[in-house]
N, C-alpha and C. Protein backbone atom coordinates (compact mmCIF):
# COMPACT_ATOMS: atom_id res chain seq x y z
N MET A 1 49.32 3.59 23.08
CA MET A 1 48.90 2.16 22.71
C MET A 1 47.41 2.63 22.40
N ALA A 2 47.05 3.37 22.89
CA ALA A 2 45.32 3.54 22.99
C ALA A 2 45.26 4.27 21.56
N ALA A 3 46.05 4.96 21.11
CA ALA A 3 46.05 5.54 19.67
C ALA A 3 46.18 4.53 18.72
N LEU A 4 47.06 3.57 18.82
CA LEU A 4 47.13 2.53 17.70
C LEU A 4 45.90 1.73 17.67
N ASP A 5 45.31 1.44 18.80
CA ASP A 5 44.36 0.82 18.76
C ASP A 5 42.96 1.27 17.81
N SER A 6 43.16 2.83 18.17
CA SER A 6 41.76 3.41 17.71
C SER A 6 42.09 3.63 16.42
N THR A 7 43.50 3.89 15.78
CA THR A 7 43.53 3.97 14.37
C THR A 7 43.26 2.82 13.62
N ARG A 8 43.77 1.58 14.27
CA ARG A 8 43.33 0.35 13.62
C ARG A 8 42.21 -0.13 13.52
N SER A 9 41.38 0.31 14.62
CA SER A 9 39.84 -0.15 14.77
C SER A 9 39.33 0.77 13.47
N HIS A 10 39.51 2.05 13.44
CA HIS A 10 39.10 2.80 12.17
C HIS A 10 39.46 2.46 10.94
N THR A 11 40.65 1.89 10.64
CA THR A 11 41.12 1.46 9.43
C THR A 11 40.32 0.21 8.93
N THR A 12 40.06 -0.66 10.12
CA THR A 12 39.33 -1.84 9.85
C THR A 12 37.92 -1.46 9.22
N ASN A 13 37.22 -0.60 10.13
CA ASN A 13 35.95 -0.06 9.87
C ASN A 13 35.83 0.43 8.45
N ALA A 14 36.92 1.34 7.89
CA ALA A 14 36.78 1.88 6.78
C ALA A 14 37.12 0.70 5.47
N GLY A 15 38.18 -0.16 6.10
CA GLY A 15 38.23 -1.33 4.77
C GLY A 15 36.95 -2.06 4.80
N PHE A 16 36.09 -2.33 5.82
CA PHE A 16 34.77 -2.99 5.85
C PHE A 16 33.79 -2.48 4.86
N GLY A 17 33.89 -0.99 4.89
CA GLY A 17 32.90 -0.14 4.14
C GLY A 17 33.28 -0.45 2.62
N ALA A 18 34.40 -0.55 2.51
CA ALA A 18 34.92 -0.48 1.18
C ALA A 18 34.87 -1.67 0.47
N VAL A 19 34.75 -2.67 1.30
CA VAL A 19 34.73 -4.34 0.81
C VAL A 19 33.19 -4.35 0.59
N PHE A 20 32.53 -3.76 1.43
CA PHE A 20 30.87 -4.19 1.32
C PHE A 20 30.41 -3.24 -0.04
N SER A 21 31.04 -2.11 -0.10
CA SER A 21 30.68 -1.41 -1.25
C SER A 21 31.12 -2.02 -2.46
N ARG A 22 32.21 -2.59 -2.61
CA ARG A 22 32.73 -3.21 -3.82
C ARG A 22 31.69 -4.44 -4.22
N VAL A 23 31.29 -5.20 -2.97
CA VAL A 23 30.48 -6.49 -3.27
C VAL A 23 29.07 -6.12 -3.65
N PHE A 24 28.46 -5.11 -3.00
CA PHE A 24 27.34 -4.71 -3.42
C PHE A 24 27.37 -4.00 -4.96
N SER A 25 28.33 -3.40 -5.40
CA SER A 25 28.57 -3.19 -6.76
C SER A 25 28.69 -4.11 -7.69
N VAL A 26 29.31 -5.15 -7.32
CA VAL A 26 29.58 -6.46 -8.18
C VAL A 26 28.14 -7.10 -8.02
N LEU A 27 27.49 -7.30 -7.18
CA LEU A 27 26.09 -7.73 -7.22
C LEU A 27 25.06 -7.19 -8.12
N ALA A 28 25.19 -5.70 -7.89
CA ALA A 28 24.14 -5.04 -8.83
C ALA A 28 24.58 -5.09 -10.18
N ALA A 29 25.82 -5.04 -10.60
CA ALA A 29 26.16 -5.30 -12.04
C ALA A 29 25.72 -6.43 -12.49
N TRP A 30 25.84 -7.66 -11.50
CA TRP A 30 25.58 -9.00 -12.23
C TRP A 30 24.02 -8.99 -12.21
N ASN A 31 23.23 -8.53 -11.24
CA ASN A 31 21.90 -8.45 -11.57
C ASN A 31 21.22 -7.89 -12.91
N GLU A 32 21.82 -6.72 -13.00
CA GLU A 32 21.54 -5.83 -14.28
C GLU A 32 21.74 -6.77 -15.58
N ARG A 33 22.97 -7.36 -15.52
CA ARG A 33 23.07 -8.21 -16.67
C ARG A 33 22.29 -9.35 -16.80
N ARG A 34 21.83 -9.78 -15.38
CA ARG A 34 20.75 -11.20 -15.68
C ARG A 34 19.50 -10.59 -16.07
N ALA A 35 18.99 -9.64 -15.49
CA ALA A 35 17.97 -8.85 -15.95
C ALA A 35 17.77 -8.56 -17.60
N THR A 36 18.83 -8.21 -18.15
CA THR A 36 19.02 -7.73 -19.31
C THR A 36 18.97 -8.99 -20.19
N ARG A 37 19.72 -9.99 -19.84
CA ARG A 37 19.84 -11.19 -20.73
C ARG A 37 18.47 -11.74 -20.64
N ALA A 38 17.77 -11.85 -19.67
CA ALA A 38 16.23 -12.55 -19.57
C ALA A 38 15.26 -11.79 -20.20
N ALA A 39 15.20 -10.36 -20.28
CA ALA A 39 14.71 -9.19 -21.08
C ALA A 39 14.59 -9.78 -22.55
N LEU A 40 15.77 -9.73 -22.89
CA LEU A 40 16.14 -10.10 -24.45
C LEU A 40 15.98 -11.52 -25.02
N SER A 41 16.01 -12.30 -23.86
CA SER A 41 15.63 -13.88 -23.97
C SER A 41 14.20 -13.89 -24.42
N ARG A 42 13.36 -13.15 -23.90
CA ARG A 42 11.99 -13.21 -24.11
C ARG A 42 11.47 -12.79 -25.30
N LEU A 43 12.11 -11.96 -26.13
CA LEU A 43 11.63 -11.39 -27.36
C LEU A 43 12.15 -12.56 -28.25
N SER A 44 10.80 -12.19 -29.23
CA SER A 44 10.92 -13.29 -30.44
C SER A 44 12.12 -12.91 -31.34
N ASP A 45 12.50 -13.87 -32.41
CA ASP A 45 13.43 -13.70 -33.25
C ASP A 45 13.16 -12.47 -34.01
N ARG A 46 11.85 -12.11 -34.42
CA ARG A 46 11.62 -11.12 -35.33
C ARG A 46 11.72 -9.73 -34.48
N GLU A 47 11.25 -9.72 -33.00
CA GLU A 47 11.88 -8.38 -32.41
C GLU A 47 13.10 -8.33 -32.25
N LEU A 48 14.06 -9.38 -31.79
CA LEU A 48 15.16 -9.02 -31.90
C LEU A 48 15.91 -8.48 -33.10
N ASP A 49 15.44 -9.12 -34.47
CA ASP A 49 15.86 -8.66 -35.82
C ASP A 49 15.37 -7.02 -35.77
N ASP A 50 14.22 -6.65 -34.93
CA ASP A 50 13.74 -5.23 -35.44
C ASP A 50 14.90 -4.28 -34.67
N ILE A 51 15.51 -4.66 -33.61
CA ILE A 51 16.65 -3.93 -32.92
C ILE A 51 17.87 -4.40 -33.40
N GLY A 52 18.11 -4.96 -34.33
CA GLY A 52 19.19 -5.25 -34.82
C GLY A 52 20.22 -6.39 -34.41
N LEU A 53 19.25 -7.43 -33.51
CA LEU A 53 20.03 -8.42 -32.74
C LEU A 53 19.64 -9.64 -33.06
N SER A 54 20.72 -10.73 -32.92
CA SER A 54 20.24 -12.08 -33.10
C SER A 54 20.37 -12.82 -31.66
N ARG A 55 19.90 -13.87 -31.70
CA ARG A 55 20.06 -14.79 -30.39
C ARG A 55 21.34 -14.90 -30.01
N GLY A 56 22.24 -14.92 -30.79
CA GLY A 56 23.72 -14.97 -30.64
C GLY A 56 24.27 -13.72 -29.86
N ASP A 57 23.50 -12.80 -30.02
CA ASP A 57 24.13 -11.34 -29.45
C ASP A 57 23.77 -11.28 -28.00
N ILE A 58 22.72 -11.87 -27.43
CA ILE A 58 22.10 -11.74 -26.19
C ILE A 58 23.35 -11.50 -24.90
N ASP A 59 24.32 -12.65 -25.16
CA ASP A 59 25.05 -12.63 -24.01
C ASP A 59 26.29 -11.14 -24.32
N LEU A 60 26.55 -10.95 -25.57
CA LEU A 60 27.39 -9.90 -25.84
C LEU A 60 26.74 -8.77 -25.30
N VAL A 61 25.49 -8.41 -25.69
CA VAL A 61 25.00 -7.21 -25.35
C VAL A 61 24.71 -7.21 -23.73
N ALA A 62 24.62 -8.13 -23.09
CA ALA A 62 24.39 -8.18 -21.19
C ALA A 62 25.45 -7.93 -21.02
N ARG A 63 26.54 -8.43 -21.39
CA ARG A 63 28.03 -8.21 -20.64
C ARG A 63 28.54 -6.64 -21.01
N GLN A 64 27.86 -5.92 -21.78
CA GLN A 64 28.05 -4.61 -22.25
C GLN A 64 27.39 -3.76 -21.28
N VAL A 65 26.23 -4.07 -20.58
CA VAL A 65 25.40 -3.29 -19.76
C VAL A 65 26.13 -2.94 -18.19
């Protein structure tokens, strides 16, 4: 019985680590998209045109980050 409890506890800890890692990855990706969207939104239409983008492209580009 003790081995079962120990194994279960270990599995729970490993599961928590995986969940925490996934949540952290999702939040980091969201923040990167948010920062990209904000940076591109601050550019003028002329600057966006210089890099081959329009205002309508900002969300698409941010999703690809």
